[in-house]
N, C-alpha and C. Protein backbone atom coordinates (compact mmCIF):
# COMPACT_ATOMS: atom_id res chain seq x y z
N UNK A 1 -6.41 44.55 15.39
CA UNK A 1 -5.09 44.03 15.75
C UNK A 1 -5.14 43.41 17.15
N UNK A 2 -4.74 42.15 17.21
CA UNK A 2 -4.76 41.43 18.48
C UNK A 2 -3.48 41.69 19.25
N UNK A 3 -3.61 41.92 20.54
CA UNK A 3 -2.45 42.21 21.38
C UNK A 3 -1.69 40.90 21.65
N UNK A 4 -0.36 40.94 21.63
CA UNK A 4 0.41 39.71 21.89
C UNK A 4 0.26 39.26 23.34
N UNK A 5 0.47 37.98 23.55
CA UNK A 5 0.41 37.43 24.91
C UNK A 5 1.67 37.86 25.64
N UNK A 6 1.50 38.39 26.80
CA UNK A 6 2.63 38.83 27.62
C UNK A 6 3.06 37.69 28.56
N UNK A 7 4.36 37.50 28.70
CA UNK A 7 4.90 36.44 29.53
C UNK A 7 4.40 36.55 30.97
N UNK A 8 4.24 37.76 31.46
CA UNK A 8 3.78 37.97 32.83
C UNK A 8 2.41 37.34 33.04
N UNK A 9 1.54 37.43 32.03
CA UNK A 9 0.20 36.87 32.19
C UNK A 9 0.24 35.34 32.24
N UNK A 10 1.23 34.74 31.62
CA UNK A 10 1.36 33.28 31.66
C UNK A 10 1.90 32.83 33.01
N UNK A 11 2.84 33.58 33.55
CA UNK A 11 3.49 33.18 34.79
C UNK A 11 2.67 33.47 36.03
N UNK A 12 1.72 34.40 35.94
CA UNK A 12 0.90 34.72 37.10
C UNK A 12 -0.14 33.63 37.31
N UNK A 13 -0.37 33.21 38.56
CA UNK A 13 -1.40 32.21 38.82
C UNK A 13 -2.78 32.73 38.44
N UNK A 14 -3.63 31.84 37.93
CA UNK A 14 -4.98 32.23 37.54
C UNK A 14 -5.85 32.52 38.75
N UNK A 15 -5.54 31.90 39.89
CA UNK A 15 -6.26 32.16 41.14
C UNK A 15 -5.23 32.55 42.19
N UNK A 16 -5.59 33.44 43.08
CA UNK A 16 -4.62 33.85 44.11
C UNK A 16 -4.19 32.70 45.02
N UNK A 17 -4.99 31.64 45.10
CA UNK A 17 -4.65 30.51 45.98
C UNK A 17 -3.87 29.42 45.26
N UNK A 18 -3.63 29.59 43.96
CA UNK A 18 -2.95 28.56 43.18
C UNK A 18 -1.46 28.85 43.10
N UNK A 19 -0.65 27.99 43.69
CA UNK A 19 0.79 28.14 43.63
C UNK A 19 1.41 26.82 43.20
N UNK A 20 1.69 26.65 41.91
CA UNK A 20 2.25 25.38 41.45
C UNK A 20 3.67 25.18 42.00
N UNK A 21 4.04 23.92 42.14
CA UNK A 21 5.38 23.59 42.64
C UNK A 21 6.42 24.08 41.66
N UNK A 22 7.45 24.71 42.17
CA UNK A 22 8.54 25.20 41.32
C UNK A 22 9.67 24.17 41.23
N UNK A 23 9.58 23.11 42.00
CA UNK A 23 10.58 22.04 41.94
C UNK A 23 9.88 20.75 41.55
N UNK A 24 10.65 19.78 41.15
CA UNK A 24 10.11 18.48 40.74
C UNK A 24 10.72 17.40 41.63
N UNK A 25 9.93 16.39 41.91
CA UNK A 25 10.42 15.22 42.64
C UNK A 25 10.51 14.09 41.63
N UNK A 26 11.73 13.56 41.46
CA UNK A 26 11.98 12.51 40.49
C UNK A 26 12.04 11.17 41.22
N UNK A 27 11.26 10.21 40.74
CA UNK A 27 11.28 8.86 41.31
C UNK A 27 11.66 7.86 40.24
N UNK A 28 12.63 6.99 40.55
CA UNK A 28 13.04 5.96 39.60
C UNK A 28 12.11 4.76 39.73
N UNK A 29 11.53 4.34 38.61
CA UNK A 29 10.65 3.18 38.61
C UNK A 29 11.47 1.94 38.25
N UNK A 30 11.42 0.94 39.11
CA UNK A 30 12.18 -0.28 38.89
C UNK A 30 11.42 -1.48 39.39
N UNK A 31 12.10 -2.61 39.59
CA UNK A 31 11.42 -3.85 39.98
C UNK A 31 10.56 -3.73 41.24
N UNK A 32 11.02 -2.97 42.21
CA UNK A 32 10.29 -2.84 43.49
C UNK A 32 9.30 -1.69 43.49
N UNK A 33 9.32 -0.86 42.45
CA UNK A 33 8.46 0.34 42.46
C UNK A 33 7.70 0.50 41.15
N UNK A 34 7.25 -0.59 40.56
CA UNK A 34 6.61 -0.48 39.26
C UNK A 34 5.15 -0.89 39.24
N UNK A 35 4.62 -1.34 40.35
CA UNK A 35 3.20 -1.72 40.37
C UNK A 35 2.34 -0.45 40.39
N UNK A 36 1.13 -0.52 39.84
CA UNK A 36 0.26 0.66 39.86
C UNK A 36 0.02 1.19 41.28
N UNK A 37 -0.05 0.29 42.26
CA UNK A 37 -0.29 0.72 43.64
C UNK A 37 0.89 1.52 44.19
N UNK A 38 2.09 1.03 43.98
CA UNK A 38 3.28 1.74 44.47
C UNK A 38 3.44 3.06 43.73
N UNK A 39 3.25 3.04 42.41
CA UNK A 39 3.38 4.28 41.63
C UNK A 39 2.33 5.29 42.09
N UNK A 40 1.11 4.84 42.35
CA UNK A 40 0.05 5.74 42.84
C UNK A 40 0.47 6.37 44.16
N UNK A 41 1.04 5.57 45.05
CA UNK A 41 1.51 6.10 46.34
C UNK A 41 2.60 7.14 46.13
N UNK A 42 3.50 6.89 45.17
CA UNK A 42 4.56 7.86 44.87
C UNK A 42 3.97 9.16 44.32
N UNK A 43 2.99 9.04 43.44
CA UNK A 43 2.34 10.23 42.88
C UNK A 43 1.63 11.02 43.98
N UNK A 44 0.94 10.32 44.86
CA UNK A 44 0.25 11.01 45.96
C UNK A 44 1.22 11.64 46.94
N UNK A 45 2.44 11.09 47.03
CA UNK A 45 3.46 11.65 47.91
C UNK A 45 4.19 12.82 47.27
N UNK A 46 3.91 13.09 45.97
CA UNK A 46 4.50 14.26 45.34
C UNK A 46 5.40 14.01 44.16
N UNK A 47 5.61 12.74 43.77
CA UNK A 47 6.45 12.47 42.61
C UNK A 47 5.84 13.15 41.38
N UNK A 48 6.65 13.92 40.67
CA UNK A 48 6.14 14.61 39.47
C UNK A 48 6.90 14.21 38.21
N UNK A 49 7.97 13.43 38.36
CA UNK A 49 8.73 12.92 37.22
C UNK A 49 9.05 11.45 37.49
N UNK A 50 8.69 10.58 36.55
CA UNK A 50 9.01 9.15 36.66
C UNK A 50 10.24 8.87 35.79
N UNK A 51 11.30 8.38 36.43
CA UNK A 51 12.55 8.10 35.72
C UNK A 51 12.61 6.62 35.36
N UNK A 52 12.91 6.35 34.10
CA UNK A 52 13.11 4.99 33.61
C UNK A 52 14.60 4.81 33.35
N UNK A 53 15.23 3.85 34.02
CA UNK A 53 16.67 3.61 33.90
C UNK A 53 16.90 2.55 32.82
N UNK A 54 17.32 2.99 31.63
CA UNK A 54 17.51 2.08 30.51
C UNK A 54 18.86 1.39 30.51
N UNK A 55 19.63 1.52 31.61
CA UNK A 55 20.92 0.81 31.66
C UNK A 55 20.70 -0.67 31.96
N UNK A 56 19.49 -1.05 32.29
CA UNK A 56 19.15 -2.46 32.51
C UNK A 56 17.69 -2.66 32.14
N UNK A 57 17.28 -3.91 32.07
CA UNK A 57 15.90 -4.23 31.71
C UNK A 57 15.71 -4.22 30.21
N UNK A 58 14.68 -4.91 29.76
CA UNK A 58 14.41 -4.94 28.32
C UNK A 58 13.21 -4.05 27.99
N UNK A 59 12.93 -3.94 26.70
CA UNK A 59 11.85 -3.05 26.23
C UNK A 59 10.51 -3.46 26.83
N UNK A 60 10.27 -4.76 26.93
CA UNK A 60 8.99 -5.24 27.48
C UNK A 60 8.81 -4.81 28.94
N UNK A 61 9.88 -4.91 29.73
CA UNK A 61 9.83 -4.50 31.13
C UNK A 61 9.46 -3.02 31.24
N UNK A 62 10.14 -2.18 30.46
CA UNK A 62 9.89 -0.74 30.54
C UNK A 62 8.51 -0.39 29.99
N UNK A 63 8.04 -1.10 28.97
CA UNK A 63 6.70 -0.85 28.43
C UNK A 63 5.63 -1.19 29.47
N UNK A 64 5.80 -2.31 30.17
CA UNK A 64 4.85 -2.68 31.23
C UNK A 64 4.85 -1.63 32.34
N UNK A 65 6.03 -1.15 32.70
CA UNK A 65 6.13 -0.13 33.74
C UNK A 65 5.43 1.15 33.29
N UNK A 66 5.61 1.53 32.03
CA UNK A 66 4.94 2.71 31.49
C UNK A 66 3.42 2.54 31.52
N UNK A 67 2.94 1.36 31.18
CA UNK A 67 1.49 1.10 31.23
C UNK A 67 1.00 1.22 32.68
N UNK A 68 1.77 0.71 33.63
CA UNK A 68 1.41 0.84 35.05
C UNK A 68 1.38 2.30 35.47
N UNK A 69 2.32 3.10 34.97
CA UNK A 69 2.34 4.53 35.27
C UNK A 69 1.07 5.20 34.74
N UNK A 70 0.66 4.84 33.53
CA UNK A 70 -0.57 5.41 32.95
C UNK A 70 -1.78 5.09 33.82
N UNK A 71 -1.85 3.85 34.30
CA UNK A 71 -2.96 3.45 35.18
C UNK A 71 -2.94 4.28 36.46
N UNK A 72 -1.76 4.45 37.05
CA UNK A 72 -1.63 5.21 38.29
C UNK A 72 -1.99 6.68 38.08
N UNK A 73 -1.58 7.24 36.95
CA UNK A 73 -1.90 8.64 36.65
C UNK A 73 -3.41 8.81 36.54
N UNK A 74 -4.07 7.87 35.86
CA UNK A 74 -5.53 7.94 35.72
C UNK A 74 -6.23 7.84 37.07
N UNK A 75 -5.77 6.90 37.89
CA UNK A 75 -6.46 6.68 39.17
C UNK A 75 -6.23 7.81 40.17
N UNK A 76 -5.06 8.43 40.12
CA UNK A 76 -4.77 9.52 41.08
C UNK A 76 -5.10 10.90 40.53
N UNK A 77 -5.30 10.97 39.21
CA UNK A 77 -5.54 12.26 38.54
C UNK A 77 -4.38 13.24 38.79
N UNK A 78 -3.16 12.70 38.79
CA UNK A 78 -1.95 13.52 38.97
C UNK A 78 -1.18 13.55 37.66
N UNK A 79 -0.57 14.68 37.37
CA UNK A 79 0.25 14.82 36.17
C UNK A 79 1.66 14.37 36.51
N UNK A 80 2.28 13.62 35.60
CA UNK A 80 3.63 13.13 35.84
C UNK A 80 4.40 13.09 34.52
N UNK A 81 5.57 13.71 34.51
CA UNK A 81 6.44 13.66 33.34
C UNK A 81 7.21 12.34 33.35
N UNK A 82 7.74 11.96 32.20
CA UNK A 82 8.54 10.74 32.08
C UNK A 82 9.94 11.13 31.63
N UNK A 83 10.94 10.61 32.34
CA UNK A 83 12.34 10.87 31.99
C UNK A 83 13.00 9.53 31.65
N UNK A 84 13.63 9.47 30.48
CA UNK A 84 14.33 8.26 30.07
C UNK A 84 15.82 8.47 30.30
N UNK A 85 16.40 7.66 31.15
CA UNK A 85 17.83 7.75 31.46
C UNK A 85 18.55 6.69 30.64
N UNK A 86 19.20 7.14 29.58
CA UNK A 86 19.94 6.21 28.72
C UNK A 86 21.43 6.41 28.94
N UNK A 87 22.18 5.36 28.72
CA UNK A 87 23.63 5.44 28.89
C UNK A 87 24.30 4.98 27.61
N UNK A 88 25.55 5.33 27.50
CA UNK A 88 26.34 4.84 26.38
C UNK A 88 26.77 3.40 26.66
N UNK A 89 27.67 2.89 25.84
CA UNK A 89 28.11 1.51 26.04
C UNK A 89 28.76 1.32 27.41
N UNK A 90 28.38 0.27 28.07
CA UNK A 90 28.95 -0.06 29.38
C UNK A 90 29.36 -1.52 29.37
N UNK A 91 30.52 -1.78 29.88
CA UNK A 91 30.96 -3.16 30.07
C UNK A 91 30.84 -3.48 31.55
N UNK A 92 30.40 -4.68 31.83
CA UNK A 92 30.30 -5.10 33.22
C UNK A 92 31.10 -6.37 33.43
N UNK A 93 31.81 -6.40 34.54
CA UNK A 93 32.53 -7.61 34.93
C UNK A 93 31.51 -8.56 35.53
N UNK A 94 31.54 -9.81 35.07
CA UNK A 94 30.61 -10.83 35.56
C UNK A 94 31.32 -11.58 36.69
N UNK A 95 30.93 -11.28 37.91
CA UNK A 95 31.53 -11.91 39.08
C UNK A 95 30.45 -12.72 39.78
N UNK A 96 30.31 -13.97 39.40
CA UNK A 96 29.25 -14.82 39.95
C UNK A 96 29.54 -15.25 41.38
N UNK A 97 30.80 -15.18 41.81
CA UNK A 97 31.14 -15.59 43.17
C UNK A 97 30.74 -14.51 44.17
N UNK A 98 30.61 -13.29 43.72
CA UNK A 98 30.28 -12.14 44.57
C UNK A 98 31.36 -11.84 45.61
N UNK A 99 32.54 -12.47 45.47
CA UNK A 99 33.67 -12.13 46.33
C UNK A 99 34.36 -10.91 45.71
N UNK A 100 34.88 -10.00 46.55
CA UNK A 100 35.59 -8.85 45.99
C UNK A 100 36.84 -9.28 45.23
N UNK A 101 37.17 -8.53 44.20
CA UNK A 101 38.36 -8.81 43.39
C UNK A 101 39.31 -7.63 43.56
N UNK A 102 40.54 -7.92 43.99
CA UNK A 102 41.54 -6.87 44.15
C UNK A 102 42.42 -6.82 42.91
N UNK A 103 42.58 -5.63 42.35
CA UNK A 103 43.46 -5.44 41.20
C UNK A 103 44.61 -4.54 41.62
N UNK A 104 45.80 -4.84 41.11
CA UNK A 104 46.96 -4.02 41.40
C UNK A 104 47.29 -3.15 40.21
N UNK A 105 47.72 -1.93 40.48
CA UNK A 105 48.10 -1.01 39.41
C UNK A 105 49.21 -1.61 38.56
N UNK A 106 49.15 -1.39 37.27
CA UNK A 106 50.15 -1.83 36.30
C UNK A 106 50.21 -3.35 36.12
N UNK A 107 49.27 -4.09 36.68
CA UNK A 107 49.29 -5.55 36.50
C UNK A 107 48.53 -5.92 35.23
N UNK A 108 48.83 -7.09 34.69
CA UNK A 108 48.18 -7.58 33.48
C UNK A 108 46.89 -8.30 33.87
N UNK A 109 45.79 -7.90 33.23
CA UNK A 109 44.49 -8.51 33.47
C UNK A 109 43.91 -8.91 32.12
N UNK A 110 43.43 -10.14 32.02
CA UNK A 110 42.82 -10.63 30.78
C UNK A 110 41.31 -10.42 30.89
N UNK A 111 40.73 -9.79 29.86
CA UNK A 111 39.28 -9.64 29.77
C UNK A 111 38.76 -10.69 28.80
N UNK A 112 37.79 -11.47 29.22
CA UNK A 112 37.26 -12.54 28.37
C UNK A 112 35.73 -12.43 28.27
N UNK A 113 35.19 -12.73 27.09
CA UNK A 113 33.72 -12.75 26.97
C UNK A 113 33.11 -14.05 27.50
N UNK A 114 33.97 -15.00 27.90
CA UNK A 114 33.50 -16.29 28.42
C UNK A 114 33.01 -16.11 29.86
N UNK A 115 31.72 -15.92 30.01
CA UNK A 115 31.15 -15.64 31.33
C UNK A 115 31.09 -16.86 32.23
N UNK A 116 31.44 -18.04 31.70
CA UNK A 116 31.49 -19.25 32.52
C UNK A 116 32.75 -19.29 33.38
N UNK A 117 33.76 -18.52 33.00
CA UNK A 117 35.02 -18.48 33.76
C UNK A 117 34.79 -17.74 35.07
N UNK A 118 35.58 -18.12 36.09
CA UNK A 118 35.47 -17.47 37.39
C UNK A 118 36.34 -16.21 37.42
N UNK A 119 35.77 -15.13 37.88
CA UNK A 119 36.50 -13.86 37.95
C UNK A 119 37.54 -13.91 39.06
N UNK A 120 38.74 -13.36 38.75
CA UNK A 120 39.79 -13.23 39.76
C UNK A 120 40.67 -12.05 39.37
N UNK A 121 41.75 -11.82 40.09
CA UNK A 121 42.60 -10.65 39.84
C UNK A 121 43.36 -10.71 38.52
N UNK A 122 43.43 -11.88 37.90
CA UNK A 122 44.14 -12.02 36.62
C UNK A 122 43.20 -12.18 35.42
N UNK A 123 41.94 -12.57 35.68
CA UNK A 123 40.99 -12.86 34.61
C UNK A 123 39.62 -12.27 34.97
N UNK A 124 39.10 -11.43 34.07
CA UNK A 124 37.79 -10.82 34.31
C UNK A 124 36.83 -11.16 33.17
N UNK A 125 35.82 -12.00 33.43
CA UNK A 125 34.80 -12.22 32.41
C UNK A 125 33.95 -10.95 32.27
N UNK A 126 33.62 -10.58 31.05
CA UNK A 126 32.82 -9.37 30.81
C UNK A 126 31.59 -9.72 29.97
N UNK A 127 30.65 -8.79 29.92
CA UNK A 127 29.38 -9.03 29.23
C UNK A 127 29.36 -8.50 27.80
N UNK A 128 30.52 -8.40 27.16
CA UNK A 128 30.59 -7.83 25.81
C UNK A 128 31.44 -8.73 24.92
N UNK A 129 30.78 -9.41 23.98
CA UNK A 129 31.48 -10.35 23.10
C UNK A 129 32.28 -9.65 22.00
N UNK A 130 31.96 -8.40 21.69
CA UNK A 130 32.62 -7.71 20.59
C UNK A 130 33.82 -6.87 21.00
N UNK A 131 34.35 -7.07 22.21
CA UNK A 131 35.46 -6.24 22.67
C UNK A 131 36.68 -6.36 21.76
N UNK A 132 37.00 -7.56 21.31
CA UNK A 132 38.20 -7.74 20.48
C UNK A 132 38.09 -6.99 19.15
N UNK A 133 36.89 -6.76 18.66
CA UNK A 133 36.72 -5.98 17.43
C UNK A 133 36.63 -4.48 17.72
N UNK A 134 36.28 -4.11 18.95
CA UNK A 134 36.07 -2.70 19.29
C UNK A 134 37.34 -1.98 19.71
N UNK A 135 38.37 -2.72 20.12
CA UNK A 135 39.62 -2.10 20.56
C UNK A 135 40.78 -2.66 19.74
N UNK A 136 41.88 -1.91 19.80
CA UNK A 136 43.09 -2.39 19.11
C UNK A 136 44.25 -2.36 20.09
N UNK A 137 45.34 -3.00 19.74
CA UNK A 137 46.51 -3.04 20.61
C UNK A 137 46.96 -1.62 20.93
N UNK A 138 47.22 -1.39 22.20
CA UNK A 138 47.68 -0.07 22.64
C UNK A 138 46.56 0.80 23.20
N UNK A 139 45.28 0.43 22.95
CA UNK A 139 44.16 1.19 23.52
C UNK A 139 44.16 1.05 25.03
N UNK A 140 43.69 2.08 25.71
CA UNK A 140 43.59 2.05 27.16
C UNK A 140 42.16 1.70 27.55
N UNK A 141 42.04 0.76 28.47
CA UNK A 141 40.73 0.39 29.01
C UNK A 141 40.79 0.66 30.51
N UNK A 142 39.91 1.50 30.99
CA UNK A 142 39.86 1.80 32.42
C UNK A 142 38.94 0.81 33.11
N UNK A 143 39.43 0.22 34.19
CA UNK A 143 38.63 -0.76 34.94
C UNK A 143 38.32 -0.18 36.31
């Protein structure tokens, strides 16, 4: 009869000098931090979780970043977990002028999928063409 593995034996370090980190350092990989060199520097500085922000970018961008992470992990011989940050549906106002837009409470604002229109306090172009099918009269939209 084989004795069961005890949790204490798993949690105890195999060597008295081995003390693994009990916390994780999460680093978001994006346009400025996706090269193998930058990722390697992050790993050497202690990053143990690479976060991928799926609220922007396409599949090809994230796949290339993942490949760069693999290269960095191999070159540094550091272990790194991957965290995928996904979001639900998000609408964004398209403000090409980059000027601030002031909205007043209880005022009427038109949302349009026509992103060629200029954003102002009465008209907000958005990045979602299916809004008219997704909502009905009387629905509340928080801006």
